[in-house]
Amino acid sequence: MIPSQVYTHVTLMSPHDERTWHAQLPNGKPVIAFRLQHESRLALQAGDVVPASLSVCDFSQAHLEEPCLAHEG
């Protein structure tokens, strides 16, 4: 089965608002990293490396995962 998500980590660069960050993928590509409105907020700072998932259809946005829920691989 073809996966619909890619699991990685992002490095946070600067906050955009309380749930959205400018971030970079491990290869240096800039992305918008976010938490959904109904999800808990994470205590984050610039420079933090955070687990994230990306849709295989859109590598410009990364969903910030809870560190304990991150998928290994």
N, C-alpha and C. Protein backbone atom coordinates (compact mmCIF):
# COMPACT_ATOMS: atom_id res chain seq x y z
N MET A 1 0.84 -1.18 0.00
CA MET A 1 0.00 0.00 0.00
C MET A 1 0.88 1.24 0.00
N ILE A 2 0.54 2.21 -0.81
CA ILE A 2 1.30 3.45 -0.90
C ILE A 2 0.94 4.35 0.28
N PRO A 3 1.95 4.84 1.02
CA PRO A 3 1.65 5.70 2.18
C PRO A 3 1.12 7.07 1.74
N SER A 4 0.29 7.66 2.59
CA SER A 4 -0.23 9.00 2.30
C SER A 4 0.52 10.08 3.07
N GLN A 5 1.34 9.67 4.04
CA GLN A 5 2.12 10.60 4.85
C GLN A 5 3.59 10.20 4.84
N VAL A 6 4.45 11.20 4.95
CA VAL A 6 5.88 11.00 5.11
C VAL A 6 6.22 11.56 6.48
N TYR A 7 6.90 10.76 7.30
CA TYR A 7 7.26 11.19 8.65
C TYR A 7 8.72 11.59 8.69
N THR A 8 8.98 12.75 9.28
CA THR A 8 10.32 13.31 9.33
C THR A 8 10.42 14.20 10.57
N HIS A 9 11.31 15.14 10.54
CA HIS A 9 11.37 16.16 11.58
C HIS A 9 11.69 17.49 10.90
N VAL A 10 11.33 18.57 11.55
CA VAL A 10 11.60 19.91 11.05
C VAL A 10 12.34 20.68 12.12
N THR A 11 13.12 21.66 11.69
CA THR A 11 13.76 22.60 12.60
C THR A 11 12.98 23.90 12.53
N LEU A 12 12.49 24.35 13.68
CA LEU A 12 11.70 25.57 13.73
C LEU A 12 12.60 26.79 13.57
N MET A 13 12.19 27.72 12.71
CA MET A 13 12.99 28.91 12.45
C MET A 13 12.43 30.13 13.20
N SER A 14 11.16 30.44 12.97
CA SER A 14 10.53 31.58 13.63
C SER A 14 9.02 31.37 13.66
N PRO A 15 8.37 31.90 14.70
CA PRO A 15 6.91 31.72 14.78
C PRO A 15 6.21 32.62 13.76
N HIS A 16 5.13 32.11 13.21
CA HIS A 16 4.26 32.91 12.33
C HIS A 16 3.08 33.42 13.15
N ASP A 17 2.48 32.52 13.93
CA ASP A 17 1.45 32.87 14.92
C ASP A 17 1.49 31.79 15.99
N GLU A 18 0.48 31.72 16.86
CA GLU A 18 0.56 30.80 17.99
C GLU A 18 0.53 29.32 17.60
N ARG A 19 0.10 28.96 16.40
CA ARG A 19 0.04 27.56 15.98
C ARG A 19 0.82 27.27 14.70
N THR A 20 1.52 28.27 14.18
CA THR A 20 2.20 28.12 12.89
C THR A 20 3.63 28.65 12.98
N TRP A 21 4.55 27.90 12.39
CA TRP A 21 5.96 28.26 12.40
C TRP A 21 6.54 28.21 10.99
N HIS A 22 7.53 29.05 10.74
CA HIS A 22 8.40 28.89 9.58
C HIS A 22 9.43 27.85 10.01
N ALA A 23 9.66 26.85 9.18
CA ALA A 23 10.54 25.75 9.56
C ALA A 23 11.32 25.27 8.34
N GLN A 24 12.27 24.35 8.59
CA GLN A 24 13.04 23.75 7.51
C GLN A 24 13.03 22.24 7.65
N LEU A 25 12.95 21.57 6.51
CA LEU A 25 13.12 20.12 6.46
C LEU A 25 14.61 19.80 6.60
N PRO A 26 14.95 18.55 6.86
CA PRO A 26 16.37 18.18 6.98
C PRO A 26 17.21 18.54 5.75
N ASN A 27 16.60 18.59 4.57
CA ASN A 27 17.35 18.96 3.36
C ASN A 27 17.44 20.47 3.15
N GLY A 28 16.90 21.28 4.09
CA GLY A 28 16.98 22.73 4.00
C GLY A 28 15.78 23.39 3.35
N LYS A 29 14.85 22.60 2.80
CA LYS A 29 13.66 23.18 2.15
C LYS A 29 12.79 23.86 3.20
N PRO A 30 12.42 25.13 2.96
CA PRO A 30 11.52 25.82 3.91
C PRO A 30 10.09 25.30 3.79
N VAL A 31 9.42 25.19 4.93
CA VAL A 31 8.02 24.75 4.99
C VAL A 31 7.29 25.57 6.04
N ILE A 32 5.98 25.51 5.98
CA ILE A 32 5.14 26.04 7.05
C ILE A 32 4.77 24.85 7.93
N ALA A 33 5.10 24.94 9.20
CA ALA A 33 4.80 23.88 10.16
C ALA A 33 3.65 24.35 11.05
N PHE A 34 2.72 23.44 11.36
CA PHE A 34 1.51 23.88 12.05
C PHE A 34 0.95 22.83 12.99
N ARG A 35 0.10 23.27 13.91
CA ARG A 35 -0.75 22.43 14.74
C ARG A 35 -2.18 22.84 14.42
N LEU A 36 -3.10 21.89 14.36
CA LEU A 36 -4.50 22.19 14.09
C LEU A 36 -5.16 22.85 15.29
N GLN A 37 -6.25 23.57 15.04
CA GLN A 37 -6.94 24.33 16.08
C GLN A 37 -7.37 23.46 17.26
N HIS A 38 -7.83 22.24 17.01
CA HIS A 38 -8.33 21.38 18.09
C HIS A 38 -7.21 20.62 18.82
N GLU A 39 -5.98 20.72 18.35
CA GLU A 39 -4.86 20.01 18.97
C GLU A 39 -4.23 20.85 20.09
N SER A 40 -3.65 20.16 21.04
CA SER A 40 -2.97 20.87 22.13
C SER A 40 -1.80 21.67 21.58
N ARG A 41 -1.51 22.75 22.27
CA ARG A 41 -0.36 23.56 21.88
C ARG A 41 0.90 22.94 22.46
N LEU A 42 1.97 23.07 21.73
CA LEU A 42 3.26 22.57 22.17
C LEU A 42 4.12 23.75 22.59
N ALA A 43 4.89 23.59 23.65
CA ALA A 43 5.83 24.64 24.08
C ALA A 43 7.05 24.55 23.16
N LEU A 44 7.14 25.46 22.20
CA LEU A 44 8.18 25.40 21.18
C LEU A 44 8.97 26.69 21.13
N GLN A 45 10.22 26.57 20.70
CA GLN A 45 11.09 27.72 20.53
C GLN A 45 11.85 27.58 19.23
N ALA A 46 12.30 28.71 18.69
CA ALA A 46 13.13 28.67 17.49
C ALA A 46 14.34 27.80 17.76
N GLY A 47 14.68 26.96 16.79
CA GLY A 47 15.80 26.04 16.92
C GLY A 47 15.40 24.64 17.34
N ASP A 48 14.18 24.49 17.87
CA ASP A 48 13.71 23.16 18.26
C ASP A 48 13.57 22.26 17.03
N VAL A 49 13.91 21.00 17.21
CA VAL A 49 13.70 19.97 16.17
C VAL A 49 12.49 19.16 16.62
N VAL A 50 11.45 19.14 15.76
CA VAL A 50 10.16 18.59 16.14
C VAL A 50 9.74 17.53 15.11
N PRO A 51 9.21 16.39 15.57
CA PRO A 51 8.68 15.41 14.61
C PRO A 51 7.51 16.01 13.83
N ALA A 52 7.43 15.64 12.57
CA ALA A 52 6.39 16.20 11.71
C ALA A 52 5.98 15.19 10.65
N SER A 53 4.80 15.40 10.10
CA SER A 53 4.34 14.59 8.98
C SER A 53 3.96 15.51 7.82
N LEU A 54 4.21 15.03 6.63
CA LEU A 54 3.89 15.77 5.41
C LEU A 54 3.01 14.89 4.53
N SER A 55 2.06 15.49 3.88
CA SER A 55 1.26 14.77 2.89
C SER A 55 2.14 14.51 1.68
N VAL A 56 2.02 13.34 1.08
CA VAL A 56 2.81 13.05 -0.11
C VAL A 56 2.39 13.95 -1.27
N CYS A 57 1.25 14.60 -1.15
CA CYS A 57 0.76 15.50 -2.19
C CYS A 57 1.25 16.94 -2.03
N ASP A 58 1.78 17.30 -0.84
CA ASP A 58 2.15 18.69 -0.58
C ASP A 58 3.29 18.75 0.43
N PHE A 59 4.49 18.96 -0.07
CA PHE A 59 5.66 19.05 0.82
C PHE A 59 5.93 20.48 1.27
N SER A 60 4.99 21.39 1.13
CA SER A 60 5.19 22.77 1.58
C SER A 60 4.65 23.00 2.99
N GLN A 61 3.90 22.03 3.51
CA GLN A 61 3.31 22.14 4.84
C GLN A 61 3.65 20.90 5.66
N ALA A 62 4.00 21.13 6.92
CA ALA A 62 4.35 20.02 7.81
C ALA A 62 3.49 20.10 9.06
N HIS A 63 2.80 19.01 9.37
CA HIS A 63 2.00 18.95 10.59
C HIS A 63 2.92 18.57 11.74
N LEU A 64 2.98 19.40 12.78
CA LEU A 64 3.82 19.13 13.94
C LEU A 64 3.16 18.05 14.79
N GLU A 65 3.89 16.98 15.02
CA GLU A 65 3.40 15.84 15.78
C GLU A 65 3.76 16.00 17.26
N GLU A 66 2.98 15.36 18.12
CA GLU A 66 3.36 15.26 19.53
C GLU A 66 4.63 14.42 19.57
N PRO A 67 5.64 14.82 20.32
CA PRO A 67 6.88 14.03 20.35
C PRO A 67 6.66 12.57 20.72
N CYS A 68 5.76 12.25 21.63
CA CYS A 68 5.55 10.85 22.03
C CYS A 68 4.75 10.07 20.99
N LEU A 69 4.11 10.75 20.02
CA LEU A 69 3.32 10.08 19.00
C LEU A 69 4.05 9.98 17.67
N ALA A 70 5.28 10.47 17.62
CA ALA A 70 6.02 10.48 16.36
C ALA A 70 6.26 9.06 15.88
N HIS A 71 6.22 8.90 14.58
CA HIS A 71 6.44 7.59 13.96
C HIS A 71 7.92 7.44 13.66
N GLU A 72 8.45 6.33 14.01
CA GLU A 72 9.85 6.04 13.70
C GLU A 72 9.95 5.49 12.28
N GLY A 73 11.05 5.76 11.65
CA GLY A 73 11.22 5.15 10.36
C GLY A 73 11.99 5.93 9.45
